[in-house]
Structures are given as structure tokens and as C-alpha cells.
Protein backbone atom coordinates (compact mmCIF):
# COMPACT_ATOMS: atom_id res chain seq x y z
CA UNK A 1 5.67 23.32 15.25
CA UNK A 2 7.18 20.16 13.72
CA UNK A 3 8.46 19.82 10.14
CA UNK A 4 5.47 17.62 9.37
CA UNK A 5 3.02 20.26 10.60
CA UNK A 6 4.83 22.90 8.53
CA UNK A 7 4.51 20.75 5.42
CA UNK A 8 0.75 20.63 5.92
CA UNK A 9 0.31 24.39 6.28
CA UNK A 10 0.26 24.11 10.07
CA UNK A 11 -2.81 21.85 9.98
CA UNK A 12 -2.38 19.35 12.82
CA UNK A 13 -2.84 15.60 12.33
CA UNK A 14 -5.07 13.45 14.53
CA UNK A 15 -3.99 10.41 16.60
CA UNK A 16 -4.56 6.80 15.60
CA UNK A 17 -4.91 3.53 17.59
CA UNK A 18 -1.89 1.31 18.17
CA UNK A 19 -2.51 -2.30 19.21
CA UNK A 20 -0.29 -5.02 20.59
CA UNK A 21 -0.40 -8.44 18.97
CA UNK A 22 -2.44 -9.78 21.91
CA UNK A 23 -4.96 -6.94 21.57
CA UNK A 24 -5.27 -7.55 17.83
CA UNK A 25 -5.81 -11.28 18.36
CA UNK A 26 -8.42 -10.58 21.05
CA UNK A 27 -10.32 -8.31 18.67
CA UNK A 28 -9.74 -10.35 15.53
CA UNK A 29 -9.45 -8.94 11.99
CA UNK A 30 -13.23 -8.82 11.49
CA UNK A 31 -13.77 -6.52 14.49
CA UNK A 32 -10.90 -4.29 13.36
CA UNK A 33 -12.47 -4.07 9.89
CA UNK A 34 -15.86 -3.16 11.38
CA UNK A 35 -14.22 -0.37 13.40
CA UNK A 36 -13.26 1.15 10.02
CA UNK A 37 -10.42 3.30 11.29
CA UNK A 38 -6.68 3.06 10.54
CA UNK A 39 -4.63 1.33 13.22
CA UNK A 40 -1.05 0.15 13.70
CA UNK A 41 -0.46 -3.33 15.13
CA UNK A 42 2.85 -4.58 16.53
CA UNK A 43 2.46 -7.94 14.80
CA UNK A 44 6.08 -9.18 14.61
CA UNK A 45 9.14 -8.83 16.85
CA UNK A 46 11.30 -5.93 15.71
CA UNK A 47 13.73 -7.59 13.25
CA UNK A 48 17.45 -6.99 12.84
CA UNK A 49 18.29 -4.90 9.75
CA UNK A 50 18.63 -7.14 6.72
CA UNK A 51 16.80 -10.08 8.29
CA UNK A 52 13.85 -10.04 5.90
CA UNK A 53 15.99 -9.21 2.88
CA UNK A 54 17.85 -12.46 3.51
CA UNK A 55 14.66 -14.40 4.26
CA UNK A 56 12.82 -13.15 1.16
CA UNK A 57 15.80 -13.95 -1.07
CA UNK A 58 16.09 -17.43 0.43
CA UNK A 59 12.41 -18.30 0.04
CA UNK A 60 11.40 -16.33 -3.06
CA UNK A 61 14.61 -15.28 -4.80
CA UNK A 62 14.01 -17.46 -7.85
CA UNK A 63 10.34 -16.46 -8.20
CA UNK A 64 9.23 -14.43 -11.20
CA UNK A 65 7.87 -11.02 -10.22
CA UNK A 66 6.49 -7.98 -12.00
CA UNK A 67 8.92 -5.10 -12.50
CA UNK A 68 7.18 -1.72 -12.55
CA UNK A 69 9.04 1.21 -14.10
CA UNK A 70 7.73 4.77 -13.82
CA UNK A 71 9.23 8.21 -13.39
CA UNK A 72 7.97 9.25 -9.95
CA UNK A 73 10.10 12.38 -9.60
CA UNK A 74 7.49 14.53 -11.34
CA UNK A 75 3.76 14.63 -12.10
CA UNK A 76 3.72 11.80 -14.62
CA UNK A 77 0.32 11.09 -16.17
CA UNK A 78 1.43 8.06 -18.21
CA UNK A 79 0.88 4.49 -17.07
CA UNK A 80 3.82 2.51 -15.77
CA UNK A 81 5.78 0.06 -17.92
CA UNK A 82 5.64 -3.53 -16.63
CA UNK A 83 7.79 -6.58 -17.37
CA UNK A 84 8.83 -9.83 -15.66
CA UNK A 85 12.16 -10.53 -13.92
CA UNK A 86 13.46 -12.97 -11.27
CA UNK A 87 13.16 -11.38 -7.83
CA UNK A 88 16.85 -12.08 -7.15
CA UNK A 89 17.80 -9.79 -10.04
CA UNK A 90 16.08 -6.83 -8.36
CA UNK A 91 18.08 -7.41 -5.18
CA UNK A 92 21.45 -7.92 -6.85
CA UNK A 93 21.74 -6.08 -10.18
CA UNK A 94 21.88 -2.61 -11.69
CA UNK A 95 20.11 -0.33 -12.39
CA UNK A 96 17.83 -1.40 -9.56
CA UNK A 97 20.19 -1.52 -6.57
CA UNK A 98 21.46 2.03 -7.06
CA UNK A 99 18.08 3.56 -7.87
CA UNK A 100 17.18 6.34 -5.43
CA UNK A 101 14.28 8.12 -7.14
CA UNK A 102 11.63 5.40 -7.00
CA UNK A 103 11.68 4.65 -10.73
CA UNK A 104 11.72 0.88 -10.16
CA UNK A 105 9.77 -1.41 -7.88
CA UNK A 106 8.66 -5.02 -8.00
CA UNK A 107 5.37 -6.55 -6.95
CA UNK A 108 4.07 -10.10 -6.90
CA UNK A 109 0.70 -11.52 -5.87
CA UNK A 110 1.84 -14.66 -4.01
CA UNK A 111 -1.56 -15.72 -2.63
CA UNK A 112 -0.95 -19.29 -3.86
CA UNK A 113 2.27 -19.54 -1.82
CA UNK A 114 0.65 -19.73 1.62
CA UNK A 115 3.30 -22.03 3.12
CA UNK A 116 6.05 -19.66 2.05
CA UNK A 117 4.20 -16.63 3.43
CA UNK A 118 3.62 -18.36 6.77
CA UNK A 119 7.25 -19.50 6.96
CA UNK A 120 8.43 -15.98 6.20
CA UNK A 121 6.29 -14.37 8.91
CA UNK A 122 6.56 -17.17 11.45
CA UNK A 123 2.86 -17.95 11.96
CA UNK A 124 -0.04 -19.55 10.08
CA UNK A 125 -1.19 -16.55 8.08
CA UNK A 126 -4.17 -18.40 6.58
CA UNK A 127 -5.82 -18.61 10.01
CA UNK A 128 -5.64 -14.83 10.38
CA UNK A 129 -6.34 -13.63 6.82
CA UNK A 130 -8.39 -15.37 4.13
CA UNK A 131 -6.17 -14.08 1.33
CA UNK A 132 -6.57 -17.20 -0.84
CA UNK A 133 -10.28 -16.51 -1.40
CA UNK A 134 -11.52 -15.09 -4.73
CA UNK A 135 -10.99 -11.30 -5.02
CA UNK A 136 -8.36 -11.37 -2.23
CA UNK A 137 -4.58 -11.28 -2.59
CA UNK A 138 -1.24 -11.42 -0.78
CA UNK A 139 1.27 -9.07 -2.39
CA UNK A 140 5.01 -8.70 -1.96
CA UNK A 141 6.33 -5.18 -2.67
CA UNK A 142 10.03 -4.31 -2.93
CA UNK A 143 11.57 -0.95 -3.78
CA UNK A 144 14.54 1.23 -2.97
CA UNK A 145 14.61 4.76 -1.57
CA UNK A 146 12.73 7.58 -3.23
CA UNK A 147 9.50 5.72 -3.99
CA UNK A 148 6.58 8.15 -3.60
CA UNK A 149 2.98 7.26 -4.34
CA UNK A 150 0.24 9.51 -5.61
CA UNK A 151 -2.65 10.20 -3.23
CA UNK A 152 -5.13 7.34 -3.80
CA UNK A 153 -7.47 4.85 -2.10
CA UNK A 154 -7.85 1.06 -2.21
CA UNK A 155 -11.21 -0.62 -2.78
CA UNK A 156 -10.28 -3.59 -0.57
CA UNK A 157 -9.37 -3.89 3.11
CA UNK A 158 -5.59 -3.56 3.43
CA UNK A 159 -3.43 -5.17 6.12
CA UNK A 160 0.10 -4.00 5.30
CA UNK A 161 3.12 -5.50 7.08
CA UNK A 162 6.45 -3.63 6.99
CA UNK A 163 9.36 -6.08 6.81
CA UNK A 164 12.40 -4.00 5.84
CA UNK A 165 12.90 -0.23 5.91
CA UNK A 166 10.25 2.30 6.88
CA UNK A 167 7.34 3.92 5.08
CA UNK A 168 5.43 7.10 5.86
CA UNK A 169 1.67 6.91 5.28
CA UNK A 170 -0.50 10.02 5.20
CA UNK A 171 -4.02 8.64 5.62
CA UNK A 172 -7.29 10.57 5.20
CA UNK A 173 -10.99 9.60 5.49
CA UNK A 174 -13.11 8.38 2.57
CA UNK A 175 -14.71 10.80 0.17
CA UNK A 176 -14.73 11.99 -3.42
CA UNK A 177 -15.55 15.70 -3.54
CA UNK A 178 -12.72 16.85 -1.24
CA UNK A 179 -10.08 14.89 -3.14
CA UNK A 180 -10.60 16.10 -6.73
CA UNK A 181 -10.65 12.64 -8.31
CA UNK A 182 -8.58 12.34 -11.42
CA UNK A 183 -10.31 10.57 -14.33
CA UNK A 184 -13.08 7.99 -13.74
CA UNK A 185 -13.42 7.23 -17.46
CA UNK A 186 -9.76 6.17 -17.67
CA UNK A 187 -9.84 4.03 -14.52
CA UNK A 188 -8.39 6.72 -12.24
CA UNK A 189 -11.34 7.48 -9.95
CA UNK A 190 -9.27 6.22 -7.00
CA UNK A 191 -6.48 8.79 -7.52
CA UNK A 192 -6.40 12.52 -6.86
CA UNK A 193 -5.45 15.33 -9.21
CA UNK A 194 -3.51 16.73 -6.24
CA UNK A 195 -0.49 14.46 -6.66
CA UNK A 196 1.00 15.30 -3.25
CA UNK A 197 -0.94 16.33 -0.15
CA UNK A 198 2.06 17.42 1.96
CA UNK A 199 2.62 20.50 -0.24
CA UNK A 200 -0.73 20.69 -2.02
CA UNK A 201 -1.85 23.78 -3.90
CA UNK A 202 -4.78 24.79 -1.69
CA UNK A 203 -5.54 27.67 -4.01
CA UNK A 204 -6.22 25.11 -6.73
CA UNK A 205 -7.64 22.41 -4.43
CA UNK A 206 -9.22 24.32 -1.50
CA UNK A 207 -11.51 21.50 -0.32
CA UNK A 208 -8.45 19.36 0.41
CA UNK A 209 -7.83 21.39 3.58
CA UNK A 210 -10.82 19.74 5.28
CA UNK A 211 -9.35 16.31 4.59
CA UNK A 212 -5.89 17.35 5.83
CA UNK A 213 -7.41 18.33 9.19
CA UNK A 214 -8.52 14.70 9.65
CA UNK A 215 -5.33 13.01 8.43
CA UNK A 216 -3.23 10.43 10.27
CA UNK A 217 0.57 10.72 9.89
CA UNK A 218 1.96 7.22 10.33
CA UNK A 219 5.56 6.00 10.08
CA UNK A 220 5.43 2.23 9.74
CA UNK A 221 8.44 0.47 11.27
CA UNK A 222 9.71 -3.06 10.52
CA UNK A 223 7.56 -5.60 12.37
CA UNK A 224 4.49 -3.35 12.37
CA UNK A 225 1.26 -3.82 10.41
CA UNK A 226 -1.00 -1.00 9.25
CA UNK A 227 -4.71 -1.64 8.89
CA UNK A 228 -5.91 0.64 6.11
CA UNK A 229 -9.69 0.50 5.63
CA UNK A 230 -11.11 0.44 2.12
CA UNK A 231 -11.79 3.88 0.74
CA UNK A 232 -9.34 5.73 3.00
CA UNK A 233 -7.07 7.95 0.93
CA UNK A 234 -3.33 7.62 1.44
CA UNK A 235 -0.01 8.87 0.18
CA UNK A 236 3.04 6.64 0.78
CA UNK A 237 6.76 7.53 0.88
CA UNK A 238 9.65 5.08 1.29
CA UNK A 239 11.97 6.55 3.92
CA UNK A 240 15.00 4.26 3.72
CA UNK A 241 17.13 2.50 1.11
CA UNK A 242 15.55 -0.94 0.76
CA UNK A 243 11.84 -1.33 1.49
CA UNK A 244 9.98 -4.65 1.69
CA UNK A 245 6.26 -4.91 2.45
CA UNK A 246 3.77 -7.75 2.41
CA UNK A 247 0.13 -6.75 2.26
CA UNK A 248 -3.15 -8.64 2.28
CA UNK A 249 -6.03 -7.15 0.29
CA UNK A 250 -9.35 -8.57 1.45
CA UNK A 251 -12.87 -8.10 0.09
CA UNK A 252 -15.50 -7.13 2.66
CA UNK A 253 -19.30 -6.80 2.19
CA UNK A 254 -19.26 -3.23 3.48
CA UNK A 255 -18.29 -2.28 -0.08
CA UNK A 256 -21.91 -3.01 -1.01
CA UNK A 257 -22.95 -0.08 1.19
CA UNK A 258 -20.67 2.26 -0.78
CA UNK A 259 -22.15 2.36 -4.29
CA UNK A 260 -19.67 4.85 -5.77
CA UNK A 261 -16.71 2.77 -4.63
CA UNK A 262 -18.34 -0.45 -5.83
CA UNK A 263 -19.03 1.08 -9.24
CA UNK A 264 -15.45 2.35 -9.49
CA UNK A 265 -14.05 -1.05 -8.53
CA UNK A 266 -16.12 -2.93 -11.12
CA UNK A 267 -15.31 -0.37 -13.79
CA UNK A 268 -11.55 -0.57 -13.12
CA UNK A 269 -11.55 -4.36 -13.37
CA UNK A 270 -13.36 -4.22 -16.72
CA UNK A 271 -11.23 -1.31 -17.99
CA UNK A 272 -7.94 -3.03 -17.17
CA UNK A 273 -9.05 -6.34 -18.64
CA UNK A 274 -10.28 -4.77 -21.89
CA UNK A 275 -7.06 -2.79 -22.25
CA UNK A 276 -4.72 -5.62 -21.27
CA UNK A 277 -3.36 -3.75 -18.24
CA UNK A 278 -1.58 -5.36 -15.30
CA UNK A 279 -3.99 -5.99 -12.41
CA UNK A 280 -1.99 -7.95 -9.82
CA UNK A 281 -2.86 -11.34 -11.23
CA UNK A 282 -1.57 -14.08 -8.89
CA UNK A 283 1.68 -15.83 -9.75
CA UNK A 284 1.47 -19.56 -10.44
CA UNK A 285 2.25 -21.80 -7.44
């Protein structure tokens, strides 16, 4: 039995599809979205370590990004603190560069920087993903080791490209009852009261066991892209020192067939706007 199986009470994971770039292009993003199952795509050549750190600094180092600060070493129910800094500062200055517990990360919605995104990835990204459309986004995420996310789901289709470092995704099918949703009235219907699923308290959250039996354990390597369908729950851990991801969040009409998710999405937008909370607003071009 592997360490991963032990962490999940001996409950085995299930396999997931892995596609080459040619297979992904033959299918096309729309067909992959309709399949509605997580998949890993080898979308870029495997880069040398540090390649994308250098490229991101060169192309976006002077851009203003959102710094997110939150204690992720414990069950922290407070919202994160956000502020603005130049991206270069996060790569070069303390306390960020020595942070190993995931307290700090930066994020920037760069959907209006299509030429820069395409230059960074080496292909015309706008022909593959319509991330400049209303409701859609292209987001750059940077963090150091120790970043651990709470179990949650996205209400948009997610194509997530790993550029630097590795991330472990634990991905589970859509649902509400099995996941013990946290607080719909406070905009947390997409997060679980069970903060971690790898060592969950099944005495407290017994229905979670059914979801764990259908989970995908995915380690995303540099140059790979994870397709994460809307509504699929996931927990994410950064495995290495520096982690850089670029993800595209895309609206799809299948949300209209999922009324609970649609209602949650609309409520969160209104809740965050009324309370002045950060909601990945795009940076100016």
C-alpha cells in the first residue's frame, strides 16, 4: 500500500485520462469540456528548471499583482488579506522568498494581456481558449512551498497549466451532500467544512468516504495542463519551492443545467461585490 493510499484510509484512487497535445487538439477544448471528466494534457515541452521563472519575470516582472496573505498552517476561518505589489518584488524580496508555509501567494487576472500570454506559452492561446470573453479569465498564480488549499470547487471550467514546480491535486466528483459545504450565506458554499480530505475525520464527516472512493490523485508536472471540470471538488498542495501556474477559467452553458451551482455562483458575485471583496478583477492592459 502506498503512502497516498494510507493517507486516505486505504481507499484506492481511480485512474484519469492523459492526452498528448495532438490528441487534445484533435478533440478540441469543447469536446473535452463535454466529456466532463478530469484529464491531464502534455501541452508544453518539459521545461528546464527556472525557465518560466525567468520568462515570467522578463515579461511581467513590472506588472502590479494582488498579494494574498493568509495563515494556511491551521484551520483558519478568516478571509485573506489582500494588497497590491509589483510581481518582481514577490520573486526577489523578503518575507516572500523564504516563506515555506504558504502564507503568501500572488495572483493576477491577465486576460487583457493576450500577446504576453501567447509569447510566454509559445502559441496563440486565444485560438485555443476564449479567455477574453465576459465572465472568463486568465490568471497567473505564484507561490512558494507549503501552499495548501482547502477542499473546494470552481464554478467555471478550469484549464490549469503548470509552469514551474509541481502541484498535487486531489479531485473528486461534483456534489453537495457528501462534502459538508461550509457556509452558503457567507459565500462559502463552494468550500467544505472538512478542510483536508487526505486525513479527514470520517467520524465527523462519514459521507466523505464515498467521495474519496471516486477521487483522482494527480501530480501536475511542469509543461502539463489539468482540465478540471466545473463543480469537481479539489484540494491542492504545492510540492516544491517555487510554483507558477497559469489557468484559464471559462464559462460554459452546462452551468445552466446545475441550478444549485448557478445559484451559488450568482450569490457569490453579489456577496463579494456588496462587501468589497477581491474577486479576481482583471488587471488593466
